[in-house]
Amino acid sequence: MADDRSVISVAVQALAERAVEATRTLTRGGEGIDEHQVVVERVAYAATEARVIAELARAPEPMAAAARVAAAELAAAIPYRLAPIAPLLGLHDLAYDAQTTAAIAAGIAPVAVEEIGATAMAAEGRLLWPLDEILTEVRANVRAFAEREIIPHAERIHHHDELVPERFISEMAKLGYFGLAIPEKYGGHELGNLAMILTTEELSRGSLAAAGSLITRPEILAKALIAGGTEEQKQHWLPRLASGEVMAAISVTEPNVGSDVASVACSAHAADGGYTITGAKAWCTFAGRADVIALLARTDPDLSKGARGLTLFIVDKPRFDGHEFTATQPGGGTLTGKADRTPGYRGMHSFTLSFDTWFVPGAQLVGGAEGLGRGFALQMAGFAAGRLQTGGRACGLTAAALEHTSRYVAERKQFGRAIGEYGLTRYHLGRMASRLTAARAITYAAATAMDADERRASPLAAMAKLFACDVAVEVTQLGQLLHGGWGYAEEYPISRYVADAQVLPIFEGVKPILTLKVIGRSLLSR
C-alpha cells in the first residue's frame, strides 16, 4: 500500500515541478502573476494537491487504505487540471508512466472506495488519526468536552442566531484551550501547533461557529505579539490571552478593502499619550464580546507607501451582548458595531464597525516605536496561524459531516434495505472518508512544520487552508445529498454543516487570492 502511494507521489511531484518551473519562466519569477492568473491558479492548486499526496504517502498504517484512495483520486485529476493551460506552458505530455497509471487505477477502483465507505459506516464515521500518547489524550479530552458542553447547544445557537454562551468561554479557559501554543514563560502551555489544531478540530466538530473559532482570534494576536511585540507587551498581553481573561477580535478588512490589505484606509493619528482611530472596518468577527480588537490602521497618510504605512494596535473596548453596540469614551471617542446577518457561522457574529476618534494608548501600538509601519508584516505573521487553524476547523466540520452521514445511512431504509448497504452509498461515503484523511494529512503536516519554523512553513499552512476548506465544502454537500430531502431540513445537523462550510474558503484569505498571491507567489519566487 505504502509503495503504491510512493509511486503515485513521485510521479505527481515530477509533473507538478515541471508545471511550476514552466510557470516561473512564464511569469518571470512571479513578477507577472497578474498577467497569467488562470495559469498560476491552476498550477498552484496542482502543486497543493501534489503536496497533499506527498503527505498521504507518509500517512500512518491505520490510515493507509483511505490515504491510497485519496492519493489516487487526486493524482487522476491533476492532468485534467493542467490540460487547459498545458499549451501555454509547453507541457506536451501530461500522462503518467505505466506503473503510476496502474497504481492510480487500483486506488480509484470502485471496490477499493466502497471498502473505505463500509469501514467508515461500521465505525460510525469515527476514523481517528494515530497520535502519540500526549496528543491522543489532548484530542480525547477536547472531544469529551465538546460532546458534553457544545453539541447539545449547537443547533439552538444556529437556529436562533444566538451569541456564544459565556459558559463555553469560561470552561475553555479553565481547560487551557486559549494558551496551547503560547510559550510557558508567558502563561501558556507550549504544547505546539498540532495540539492546537487537534483542539480546534474537535471544537469545530461540535460547532464551527459556537466553539471551533473561539481560539483562532486570540491565537492570531498572540502570534503577532510573539513575532514583533515588545517584551513589556508580551508580558502584559500573552498571559491574559492564554488564560481567556482577554478575548480578542481581529480587524483588518474594510467595507471597500478586502484582500488588498495594503490599501487599508482606517487611520490612526498621533494624540497626547497615544493615537485616535477613525474609519470603518468590516467582517470583524466576535467584535461585540471581545475585550480588545487587534486593528490594522494607517499611520502614514501617504497612500503610495502602501503596506509600509500600516501599524497594528491593540484596541480596548467594553464587552457587549447582542447584535449591535455603541461605546463612548470620556474624551468623546465613539465606536459603533452592527452584526451582519449570515446564513451560517452563527454564534461568533461578524460586525461592521465605525471608529470616530477612538483613543488608543501609545503602549498598545504593537512593537512600540519600532512597530510603527510594521503592522502589515506582524498581521501576516498572525494570519499564518489563522490559516492553519482554519485548516483544523475545516477538518472538524468534515469529520462531523462524515460521522452524522455514516450513522444516517446505516439507519435510513429504502426499498427494504438500509441505504448504506447499496454500493453507490458506500462509494460516496468512502470518498468522504478518504477526503477527510487527505485534509488531515496536510493540515497536521503544516502544524508540525510550523513548530519547527513558522516563517518557512507559512506557505504550507496556506496550502492546508486551501485544500481542507474545499474538502469541507465538498464533503458536507455530499453528506447532505446522502440524507436526501432530510438533508435540507434544519432538524438534521447536516444542513448546518453545509451552511457553515461555505465561509471556510472565504475568511483568512479568500480562495482566489490565497491561491494566487500566497501559494502561487511562494512557489514562483523561489
Protein backbone atom coordinates (compact mmCIF):
# COMPACT_ATOMS: atom_id res chain seq x y z
CA MET A 1 0.00 0.00 0.00
CA ALA A 2 2.69 2.49 1.03
CA ASP A 3 4.65 1.57 -2.12
CA ASP A 4 1.64 2.42 -4.31
CA ARG A 5 1.30 5.76 -2.58
CA SER A 6 5.00 6.44 -3.00
CA VAL A 7 4.88 5.55 -6.70
CA ILE A 8 1.99 7.95 -7.20
CA SER A 9 3.66 10.67 -5.15
CA VAL A 10 6.95 10.55 -7.07
CA ALA A 11 5.19 10.82 -10.43
CA VAL A 12 2.89 13.63 -9.30
CA GLN A 13 5.76 15.61 -7.77
CA ALA A 14 7.64 15.40 -11.06
CA LEU A 15 4.63 16.65 -13.02
CA ALA A 16 3.92 19.45 -10.55
CA GLU A 17 7.56 20.57 -10.58
CA ARG A 18 7.53 20.73 -14.38
CA ALA A 19 4.40 22.87 -14.26
CA VAL A 20 5.78 25.17 -11.57
CA GLU A 21 9.09 25.64 -13.38
CA ALA A 22 7.33 26.44 -16.66
CA THR A 23 5.06 28.91 -14.86
CA ARG A 24 8.05 30.51 -13.16
CA THR A 25 9.54 31.16 -16.58
CA LEU A 26 6.23 32.42 -17.98
CA THR A 27 5.71 34.86 -15.09
CA ARG A 28 9.34 35.99 -14.82
CA GLY A 29 9.81 34.57 -11.35
CA GLY A 30 6.34 35.59 -10.22
CA GLU A 31 6.51 39.21 -11.36
CA GLY A 32 3.82 38.58 -13.97
CA ILE A 33 1.32 36.66 -11.85
CA ASP A 34 -1.49 39.06 -12.67
CA GLU A 35 -0.80 38.68 -16.38
CA HIS A 36 -1.39 34.93 -16.13
CA GLN A 37 -3.84 34.49 -13.28
CA VAL A 38 -5.62 31.42 -14.63
CA VAL A 39 -2.33 29.65 -15.26
CA VAL A 40 -0.98 30.47 -11.81
CA GLU A 41 -4.21 29.45 -10.09
CA ARG A 42 -4.29 26.05 -11.75
CA VAL A 43 -0.61 25.36 -11.18
CA ALA A 44 -0.74 26.49 -7.55
CA TYR A 45 -3.69 24.22 -6.89
CA ALA A 46 -2.00 21.30 -8.64
CA ALA A 47 1.13 21.91 -6.54
CA THR A 48 -1.05 21.94 -3.43
CA GLU A 49 -2.60 18.62 -4.41
CA ALA A 50 0.87 17.23 -5.09
CA ARG A 51 1.91 18.22 -1.57
CA VAL A 52 -1.21 16.57 -0.16
CA ILE A 53 -0.29 13.36 -2.00
CA ALA A 54 3.24 13.54 -0.58
CA GLU A 55 1.80 13.75 2.93
CA LEU A 56 -0.62 10.90 2.20
CA ALA A 57 2.35 8.75 1.23
CA ARG A 58 3.63 9.27 4.78
CA ALA A 59 0.28 8.64 6.49
CA PRO A 60 0.41 6.04 9.30
CA GLU A 61 -0.58 2.46 8.52
CA PRO A 62 -4.10 2.56 10.04
CA MET A 63 -4.92 5.32 7.54
CA ALA A 64 -3.17 3.63 4.59
CA ALA A 65 -6.24 2.36 2.73
CA ALA A 66 -8.05 5.71 2.83
CA ALA A 67 -4.79 7.52 2.03
CA ARG A 68 -4.27 5.33 -1.02
CA VAL A 69 -7.75 6.12 -2.36
CA ALA A 70 -7.29 9.84 -1.71
CA ALA A 71 -3.86 9.95 -3.35
CA ALA A 72 -5.06 8.07 -6.41
CA GLU A 73 -8.13 10.26 -6.83
CA LEU A 74 -6.11 13.47 -6.59
CA ALA A 75 -3.42 12.18 -8.94
CA ALA A 76 -6.01 11.19 -11.53
CA ALA A 77 -7.44 14.73 -11.54
CA ILE A 78 -4.20 16.73 -11.79
CA PRO A 79 -3.58 16.20 -15.55
CA TYR A 80 -7.14 17.40 -16.24
CA ARG A 81 -6.49 20.48 -14.10
CA LEU A 82 -3.36 21.28 -16.10
CA ALA A 83 -4.67 20.35 -19.56
CA PRO A 84 -6.26 23.74 -20.45
CA ILE A 85 -3.02 25.60 -19.72
CA ALA A 86 -0.53 22.99 -20.92
CA PRO A 87 -0.02 24.64 -24.35
CA LEU A 88 0.84 27.95 -22.68
CA LEU A 89 3.44 26.20 -20.54
CA GLY A 90 4.85 23.94 -23.20
CA LEU A 91 3.76 20.84 -21.30
CA HIS A 92 3.20 18.44 -24.15
CA ASP A 93 2.90 15.20 -22.20
CA LEU A 94 0.78 15.07 -19.05
CA ALA A 95 0.43 11.28 -18.99
CA TYR A 96 1.87 9.17 -16.18
CA ASP A 97 4.03 6.10 -16.77
CA ALA A 98 2.51 2.62 -16.78
CA GLN A 99 3.39 1.82 -13.15
CA THR A 100 1.81 5.04 -11.86
CA THR A 101 -1.24 4.61 -14.06
CA ALA A 102 -1.78 1.11 -12.66
CA ALA A 103 -1.37 2.33 -9.08
CA ILE A 104 -3.91 5.10 -9.67
CA ALA A 105 -6.36 2.69 -11.30
CA ALA A 106 -6.13 0.35 -8.31
CA GLY A 107 -6.68 3.22 -5.89
CA ILE A 108 -9.76 4.66 -7.57
CA ALA A 109 -11.36 1.29 -8.33
CA PRO A 110 -14.95 1.29 -7.01
CA VAL A 111 -14.33 -1.78 -4.85
CA ALA A 112 -11.44 -0.01 -3.08
CA VAL A 113 -13.51 3.10 -2.42
CA GLU A 114 -16.53 1.07 -1.27
CA GLU A 115 -14.37 -0.76 1.25
CA ILE A 116 -13.40 2.56 2.81
CA GLY A 117 -17.07 3.50 2.94
CA ALA A 118 -18.01 0.22 4.63
CA THR A 119 -15.24 0.74 7.19
CA ALA A 120 -16.43 4.28 7.87
CA MET A 121 -20.03 3.16 8.31
CA ALA A 122 -19.03 0.38 10.71
CA ALA A 123 -17.06 2.91 12.78
CA GLU A 124 -19.90 5.47 12.61
CA GLY A 125 -17.51 7.74 10.77
CA ARG A 126 -15.04 7.99 13.65
CA LEU A 127 -11.77 7.48 11.83
CA LEU A 128 -9.13 8.77 14.23
CA TRP A 129 -5.59 9.55 13.13
CA PRO A 130 -2.95 7.72 15.24
CA LEU A 131 -1.09 10.09 17.58
CA ASP A 132 1.40 9.89 20.42
CA GLU A 133 0.17 9.46 23.97
CA ILE A 134 0.05 13.15 24.89
CA LEU A 135 -1.74 14.24 21.72
CA THR A 136 -4.17 11.32 21.95
CA GLU A 137 -5.10 12.50 25.43
CA VAL A 138 -5.48 16.09 24.23
CA ARG A 139 -7.85 15.00 21.46
CA ALA A 140 -9.87 12.70 23.71
CA ASN A 141 -10.30 15.36 26.38
CA VAL A 142 -11.42 18.02 23.92
CA ARG A 143 -13.80 15.59 22.21
CA ALA A 144 -15.36 14.70 25.56
CA PHE A 145 -15.74 18.39 26.39
CA ALA A 146 -17.34 19.15 23.02
CA GLU A 147 -19.78 16.26 23.30
CA ARG A 148 -20.71 17.25 26.85
CA GLU A 149 -20.85 21.04 26.57
CA ILE A 150 -21.00 22.14 22.92
CA ILE A 151 -23.01 19.68 20.83
CA PRO A 152 -26.18 19.78 22.99
CA HIS A 153 -26.48 23.53 22.32
CA ALA A 154 -25.11 23.83 18.78
CA GLU A 155 -28.39 23.52 16.89
CA ARG A 156 -30.21 26.03 19.10
CA ILE A 157 -27.43 28.61 18.71
CA HIS A 158 -27.56 28.20 14.94
CA HIS A 159 -31.34 28.24 14.55
CA HIS A 160 -31.86 31.27 16.81
CA ASP A 161 -28.70 33.15 15.82
CA GLU A 162 -27.64 33.30 19.46
CA LEU A 163 -24.34 34.51 20.87
CA VAL A 164 -21.61 32.15 22.03
CA PRO A 165 -22.62 31.22 25.60
CA GLU A 166 -20.33 32.72 28.22
CA ARG A 167 -20.10 29.28 29.79
CA PHE A 168 -18.27 27.97 26.71
CA ILE A 169 -15.59 30.63 27.10
CA SER A 170 -15.14 30.17 30.85
CA GLU A 171 -14.95 26.38 30.61
CA MET A 172 -12.49 26.50 27.72
CA ALA A 173 -10.39 28.98 29.69
CA LYS A 174 -10.30 26.63 32.69
CA LEU A 175 -9.16 23.80 30.44
CA GLY A 176 -6.35 25.93 29.00
CA TYR A 177 -7.50 25.90 25.38
CA PHE A 178 -6.54 29.53 24.75
CA GLY A 179 -2.89 29.01 25.67
CA LEU A 180 -1.96 25.83 23.84
CA ALA A 181 0.65 27.39 21.53
CA ILE A 182 1.72 30.28 23.79
CA PRO A 183 5.15 29.85 25.46
CA GLU A 184 5.12 28.70 29.08
CA LYS A 185 7.04 31.78 30.24
CA TYR A 186 4.06 33.87 29.13
CA GLY A 187 1.44 31.73 30.83
CA GLY A 188 0.76 29.26 28.03
CA HIS A 189 1.13 25.50 27.81
CA GLU A 190 3.52 25.43 24.82
CA LEU A 191 2.10 22.14 23.57
CA GLY A 192 2.69 23.21 19.99
CA ASN A 193 0.66 23.82 16.88
CA LEU A 194 -0.51 20.24 16.39
CA ALA A 195 -2.12 20.19 19.85
CA MET A 196 -3.75 23.49 18.99
CA ILE A 197 -5.02 22.13 15.66
CA LEU A 198 -6.43 18.98 17.27
CA THR A 199 -8.24 21.15 19.80
CA THR A 200 -9.63 23.40 17.08
CA GLU A 201 -10.72 20.37 15.06
CA GLU A 202 -12.60 18.75 17.92
CA LEU A 203 -14.28 22.01 18.94
CA SER A 204 -15.31 22.60 15.31
CA ARG A 205 -16.69 19.08 15.15
CA GLY A 206 -19.03 20.23 17.92
CA SER A 207 -19.80 23.60 16.34
CA LEU A 208 -17.70 25.67 13.97
CA ALA A 209 -19.37 28.93 14.96
CA ALA A 210 -20.05 28.43 18.66
CA ALA A 211 -16.75 26.83 19.66
CA GLY A 212 -14.32 25.98 16.85
CA SER A 213 -13.43 29.58 16.10
CA LEU A 214 -13.08 30.81 19.67
CA ILE A 215 -9.36 30.11 19.95
CA THR A 216 -8.47 31.39 16.47
CA ARG A 217 -8.53 35.12 17.16
CA PRO A 218 -6.52 35.02 20.40
CA GLU A 219 -4.05 32.81 18.53
CA ILE A 220 -3.67 35.34 15.69
CA LEU A 221 -3.00 38.19 18.12
CA ALA A 222 -0.64 36.04 20.18
CA LYS A 223 1.43 35.13 17.11
CA ALA A 224 1.66 38.80 16.11
CA LEU A 225 2.85 39.73 19.61
CA ILE A 226 5.40 36.91 19.67
CA ALA A 227 6.65 37.97 16.23
CA GLY A 228 7.07 41.66 16.96
CA GLY A 229 5.66 42.84 20.26
CA THR A 230 7.85 44.49 22.88
CA GLU A 231 8.81 42.41 25.89
CA GLU A 232 6.51 44.52 28.04
CA GLN A 233 3.61 43.87 25.66
CA LYS A 234 4.29 40.14 25.65
CA GLN A 235 4.37 40.03 29.43
CA HIS A 236 1.18 42.05 29.70
CA TRP A 237 -1.00 40.55 26.97
CA LEU A 238 0.09 36.95 26.38
CA PRO A 239 -0.79 35.65 29.88
CA ARG A 240 -4.20 37.33 29.62
CA LEU A 241 -4.83 35.79 26.21
CA ALA A 242 -3.65 32.37 27.41
CA SER A 243 -5.97 32.44 30.43
CA GLY A 244 -9.01 33.65 28.49
CA GLU A 245 -9.18 36.76 30.65
CA VAL A 246 -8.90 38.81 27.46
CA MET A 247 -10.80 37.73 24.36
CA ALA A 248 -9.70 39.23 21.06
CA ALA A 249 -11.19 40.14 17.70
CA ILE A 250 -9.18 40.88 14.55
CA SER A 251 -9.96 43.90 12.38
CA VAL A 252 -8.28 44.26 9.00
CA THR A 253 -10.99 44.21 6.32
CA GLU A 254 -12.88 47.40 5.46
CA PRO A 255 -16.11 47.99 3.54
CA ASN A 256 -14.10 48.80 0.41
CA VAL A 257 -10.91 46.89 1.20
CA GLY A 258 -10.83 43.11 1.28
CA SER A 259 -7.80 41.15 0.12
CA ASP A 260 -5.92 44.30 -0.90
CA VAL A 261 -4.76 44.87 2.67
CA ALA A 262 -2.13 47.41 1.65
CA SER A 263 -4.99 49.78 0.73
CA VAL A 264 -6.39 49.96 4.28
CA ALA A 265 -7.72 53.48 4.88
CA CYS A 266 -8.86 53.43 8.53
CA SER A 267 -6.45 55.91 10.10
CA ALA A 268 -4.59 56.37 13.36
CA HIS A 269 -3.49 59.91 14.23
CA ALA A 270 -1.00 60.77 16.93
CA ALA A 271 -2.60 62.30 20.01
CA ASP A 272 -1.48 63.14 23.52
CA GLY A 273 -0.39 59.81 25.03
CA GLY A 274 -1.38 57.67 22.08
CA TYR A 275 -3.43 57.63 18.89
CA THR A 276 -7.01 58.19 17.80
CA ILE A 277 -8.62 55.75 15.37
CA THR A 278 -11.08 56.98 12.74
CA GLY A 279 -12.66 54.96 9.97
CA ALA A 280 -14.77 51.92 9.14
CA LYS A 281 -14.00 48.23 9.40
CA ALA A 282 -15.95 45.21 8.16
CA TRP A 283 -16.24 41.50 8.93
CA CYS A 284 -14.75 41.85 12.40
CA THR A 285 -15.77 38.53 13.92
CA PHE A 286 -16.59 38.44 17.65
CA ALA A 287 -16.23 42.22 17.93
CA GLY A 288 -19.18 42.56 20.30
CA ARG A 289 -17.99 40.20 23.04
CA ALA A 290 -14.27 40.84 22.55
CA ASP A 291 -12.30 42.79 25.15
CA VAL A 292 -9.75 44.00 22.61
CA ILE A 293 -9.53 44.35 18.85
CA ALA A 294 -6.24 43.81 17.04
CA LEU A 295 -6.70 46.57 14.47
CA LEU A 296 -4.63 47.41 11.41
CA ALA A 297 -4.68 51.16 10.74
CA ARG A 298 -2.88 53.63 8.52
CA THR A 299 -0.40 55.77 10.43
CA ASP A 300 1.22 57.28 7.34
CA PRO A 301 -1.26 59.23 5.18
CA ASP A 302 0.97 58.79 2.12
CA LEU A 303 -1.00 56.09 0.27
CA SER A 304 1.93 55.45 -2.06
CA LYS A 305 3.68 53.71 0.84
CA GLY A 306 1.01 51.02 0.83
CA ALA A 307 1.64 48.35 3.45
CA ARG A 308 4.63 50.26 4.85
CA GLY A 309 2.23 52.87 6.19
CA LEU A 310 0.21 50.43 8.31
CA THR A 311 0.52 49.81 12.04
CA LEU A 312 -1.06 47.22 14.34
CA PHE A 313 -2.84 48.36 17.51
CA ILE A 314 -4.46 46.55 20.43
CA VAL A 315 -7.68 48.49 20.90
CA ASP A 316 -9.54 48.24 24.22
CA LYS A 317 -13.33 48.17 24.20
CA PRO A 318 -16.16 47.20 26.57
CA ARG A 319 -17.89 43.84 26.21
CA PHE A 320 -21.32 43.87 24.60
CA ASP A 321 -24.03 41.27 24.12
CA GLY A 322 -26.42 41.39 21.22
CA HIS A 323 -26.11 42.24 17.56
CA GLU A 324 -25.49 45.99 17.86
CA PHE A 325 -23.50 48.17 20.22
CA THR A 326 -22.30 51.71 20.81
CA ALA A 327 -19.41 52.70 23.07
CA THR A 328 -18.32 56.20 24.08
CA GLN A 329 -15.06 57.27 25.71
CA PRO A 330 -14.78 60.09 28.28
CA GLY A 331 -12.79 62.10 25.74
CA GLY A 332 -15.57 61.85 23.16
CA GLY A 333 -14.37 58.96 21.01
CA THR A 334 -17.08 56.60 19.76
CA LEU A 335 -17.20 53.05 18.45
CA THR A 336 -20.32 51.51 16.95
CA GLY A 337 -20.85 47.99 15.67
CA LYS A 338 -23.58 46.07 13.92
CA ALA A 339 -23.54 42.33 13.20
CA ASP A 340 -24.08 41.29 9.60
CA ARG A 341 -26.67 38.57 9.06
CA THR A 342 -25.23 35.40 7.54
CA PRO A 343 -26.75 32.04 6.51
CA GLY A 344 -24.24 30.13 8.64
CA TYR A 345 -21.38 30.63 11.08
CA ARG A 346 -23.82 31.90 13.69
CA GLY A 347 -22.67 32.40 17.25
CA MET A 348 -19.46 34.32 16.65
CA HIS A 349 -21.12 37.08 14.58
CA SER A 350 -19.16 39.35 12.27
CA PHE A 351 -19.53 43.09 12.72
CA THR A 352 -19.23 46.22 10.64
CA LEU A 353 -17.51 48.80 12.85
CA SER A 354 -17.23 52.57 12.82
CA PHE A 355 -14.50 54.35 14.79
CA ASP A 356 -14.62 58.10 15.41
CA THR A 357 -11.52 59.46 17.20
CA TRP A 358 -11.40 56.33 19.39
CA PHE A 359 -8.36 56.71 21.67
CA VAL A 360 -5.70 54.00 21.98
CA PRO A 361 -2.78 54.39 24.42
CA GLY A 362 0.64 54.54 22.80
CA ALA A 363 1.71 51.48 24.79
CA GLN A 364 -0.75 49.44 22.71
CA LEU A 365 0.97 50.05 19.39
CA VAL A 366 2.32 46.55 18.76
CA GLY A 367 6.10 46.67 18.71
CA GLY A 368 6.29 50.13 20.26
CA ALA A 369 8.15 52.77 18.27
CA GLU A 370 9.79 50.06 16.16
CA GLY A 371 6.35 48.70 15.27
CA LEU A 372 5.32 51.90 13.50
CA GLY A 373 4.76 50.96 9.86
CA ARG A 374 5.29 47.23 10.54
CA GLY A 375 1.66 46.35 11.10
CA PHE A 376 1.22 44.52 7.82
CA ALA A 377 4.14 42.17 8.48
CA LEU A 378 3.01 41.48 12.05
CA GLN A 379 -0.55 40.86 10.92
CA MET A 380 0.66 38.43 8.28
CA ALA A 381 2.56 36.51 10.98
CA GLY A 382 -0.73 36.15 12.79
CA PHE A 383 -2.62 35.22 9.64
CA ALA A 384 -0.33 32.24 9.01
CA ALA A 385 -1.55 30.83 12.32
CA GLY A 386 -5.12 31.75 11.41
CA ARG A 387 -4.88 29.86 8.12
CA LEU A 388 -3.50 26.81 9.87
CA GLN A 389 -6.34 26.99 12.38
CA THR A 390 -8.84 27.26 9.55
CA GLY A 391 -7.48 24.02 8.13
CA GLY A 392 -8.16 22.45 11.53
CA ARG A 393 -11.64 23.94 11.64
CA ALA A 394 -12.36 22.51 8.20
CA CYS A 395 -11.21 19.05 9.32
CA GLY A 396 -13.54 19.22 12.31
CA LEU A 397 -16.55 20.19 10.23
CA THR A 398 -15.72 17.47 7.70
CA ALA A 399 -15.44 14.88 10.48
CA ALA A 400 -18.83 15.89 11.87
CA ALA A 401 -20.44 15.51 8.44
CA LEU A 402 -18.86 12.09 7.94
CA GLU A 403 -19.98 10.85 11.36
CA HIS A 404 -23.57 12.02 11.05
CA THR A 405 -23.87 10.75 7.49
CA SER A 406 -22.40 7.35 8.41
CA ARG A 407 -25.00 6.90 11.13
CA TYR A 408 -27.82 8.16 8.94
CA VAL A 409 -27.17 5.81 6.01
CA ALA A 410 -26.92 2.85 8.40
CA GLU A 411 -30.36 3.63 9.83
CA ARG A 412 -32.30 5.02 6.87
CA LYS A 413 -34.14 2.30 4.92
CA GLN A 414 -35.38 2.47 1.34
CA PHE A 415 -36.61 -0.39 -0.85
CA GLY A 416 -36.40 -2.71 2.13
CA ARG A 417 -32.70 -2.12 2.90
CA ALA A 418 -30.57 0.38 4.76
CA ILE A 419 -29.28 2.80 2.14
CA GLY A 420 -25.78 2.17 3.47
CA GLU A 421 -25.99 -1.34 2.05
CA TYR A 422 -26.07 -0.02 -1.51
CA GLY A 423 -22.79 0.16 -3.36
CA LEU A 424 -23.17 3.75 -4.50
CA THR A 425 -23.82 4.94 -0.95
CA ARG A 426 -20.72 3.14 0.31
CA TYR A 427 -18.75 4.59 -2.60
CA HIS A 428 -19.75 8.15 -1.72
CA LEU A 429 -19.07 7.51 1.96
CA GLY A 430 -15.65 6.14 1.02
CA ARG A 431 -14.86 9.31 -0.89
CA MET A 432 -15.91 11.40 2.10
CA ALA A 433 -13.63 9.41 4.41
CA SER A 434 -10.67 9.50 2.04
CA ARG A 435 -11.02 13.24 1.54
CA LEU A 436 -11.03 13.79 5.30
CA THR A 437 -7.86 11.70 5.51
CA ALA A 438 -6.24 13.92 2.89
CA ALA A 439 -7.29 17.13 4.64
CA ARG A 440 -5.88 15.88 7.93
CA ALA A 441 -2.65 14.74 6.30
CA ILE A 442 -1.69 18.18 5.01
CA THR A 443 -3.10 20.10 7.98
CA TYR A 444 -1.25 18.01 10.55
CA ALA A 445 1.92 18.22 8.45
CA ALA A 446 1.62 22.01 8.32
CA ALA A 447 1.14 22.18 12.09
CA THR A 448 4.26 20.10 12.68
CA ALA A 449 6.24 22.20 10.19
CA MET A 450 5.17 25.41 11.91
CA ASP A 451 6.50 24.09 15.20
CA ALA A 452 9.90 23.79 13.53
CA ASP A 453 9.93 27.09 11.58
CA GLU A 454 6.77 29.20 11.37
CA ARG A 455 8.03 31.53 8.67
CA ARG A 456 9.17 28.78 6.31
CA ALA A 457 6.00 26.78 6.96
CA SER A 458 3.66 29.68 6.19
CA PRO A 459 3.07 28.60 2.53
CA LEU A 460 2.30 25.06 3.70
CA ALA A 461 -0.25 26.44 6.18
CA ALA A 462 -1.86 28.29 3.27
CA MET A 463 -1.99 25.04 1.28
CA ALA A 464 -3.62 23.28 4.22
CA LYS A 465 -6.21 26.02 4.48
CA LEU A 466 -6.92 25.98 0.74
CA PHE A 467 -7.30 22.23 0.45
CA ALA A 468 -9.03 21.39 3.73
CA CYS A 469 -11.65 24.11 3.23
CA ASP A 470 -12.54 22.82 -0.22
CA VAL A 471 -12.81 19.34 1.26
CA ALA A 472 -15.22 20.62 3.91
CA VAL A 473 -17.47 22.19 1.28
CA GLU A 474 -17.42 19.05 -0.86
CA VAL A 475 -17.94 16.55 1.95
CA THR A 476 -20.72 18.44 3.73
CA GLN A 477 -22.63 18.76 0.46
CA LEU A 478 -22.12 15.09 -0.36
CA GLY A 479 -23.35 14.22 3.12
CA GLN A 480 -26.40 16.38 2.54
CA LEU A 481 -27.18 14.51 -0.69
CA LEU A 482 -26.95 11.17 1.11
CA HIS A 483 -29.55 12.46 3.55
CA GLY A 484 -31.93 13.07 0.64
CA GLY A 485 -34.71 15.55 1.35
CA TRP A 486 -33.98 15.46 5.07
CA GLY A 487 -30.55 16.90 4.35
CA TYR A 488 -32.29 20.17 3.52
CA ALA A 489 -34.29 20.16 6.76
CA GLU A 490 -32.98 22.18 9.67
CA GLU A 491 -33.80 19.41 12.13
CA TYR A 492 -30.76 17.48 10.86
CA PRO A 493 -27.28 18.90 11.65
CA ILE A 494 -26.02 18.25 8.12
CA SER A 495 -27.86 21.36 6.88
CA ARG A 496 -25.93 23.44 9.45
CA TYR A 497 -22.66 21.88 8.35
CA VAL A 498 -23.36 22.81 4.73
CA ALA A 499 -24.18 26.41 5.66
CA ASP A 500 -21.14 26.75 7.92
CA ALA A 501 -18.75 25.22 5.39
CA GLN A 502 -19.44 27.94 2.84
CA VAL A 503 -17.50 30.51 4.85
CA LEU A 504 -14.32 28.44 5.10
CA PRO A 505 -12.88 29.20 1.62
CA ILE A 506 -13.67 32.89 2.21
CA PHE A 507 -12.17 34.01 5.50
CA GLU A 508 -8.48 34.01 6.49
CA GLY A 509 -7.69 34.59 2.81
CA VAL A 510 -10.36 34.18 0.15
CA LYS A 511 -9.61 31.22 -2.10
CA PRO A 512 -8.58 33.01 -5.35
CA ILE A 513 -6.26 35.43 -3.55
CA LEU A 514 -4.83 32.71 -1.32
CA THR A 515 -4.07 30.60 -4.38
CA LEU A 516 -2.56 33.42 -6.44
CA LYS A 517 -0.92 35.80 -4.01
CA VAL A 518 0.18 33.48 -1.23
CA ILE A 519 0.69 29.97 -2.60
CA GLY A 520 1.40 30.99 -6.19
CA ARG A 521 3.84 33.71 -5.22
CA SER A 522 5.69 31.45 -2.78
CA LEU A 523 6.11 28.78 -5.46
CA LEU A 524 7.20 31.10 -8.25
CA SER A 525 9.56 33.40 -6.39
CA ARG A 526 11.89 30.63 -5.19
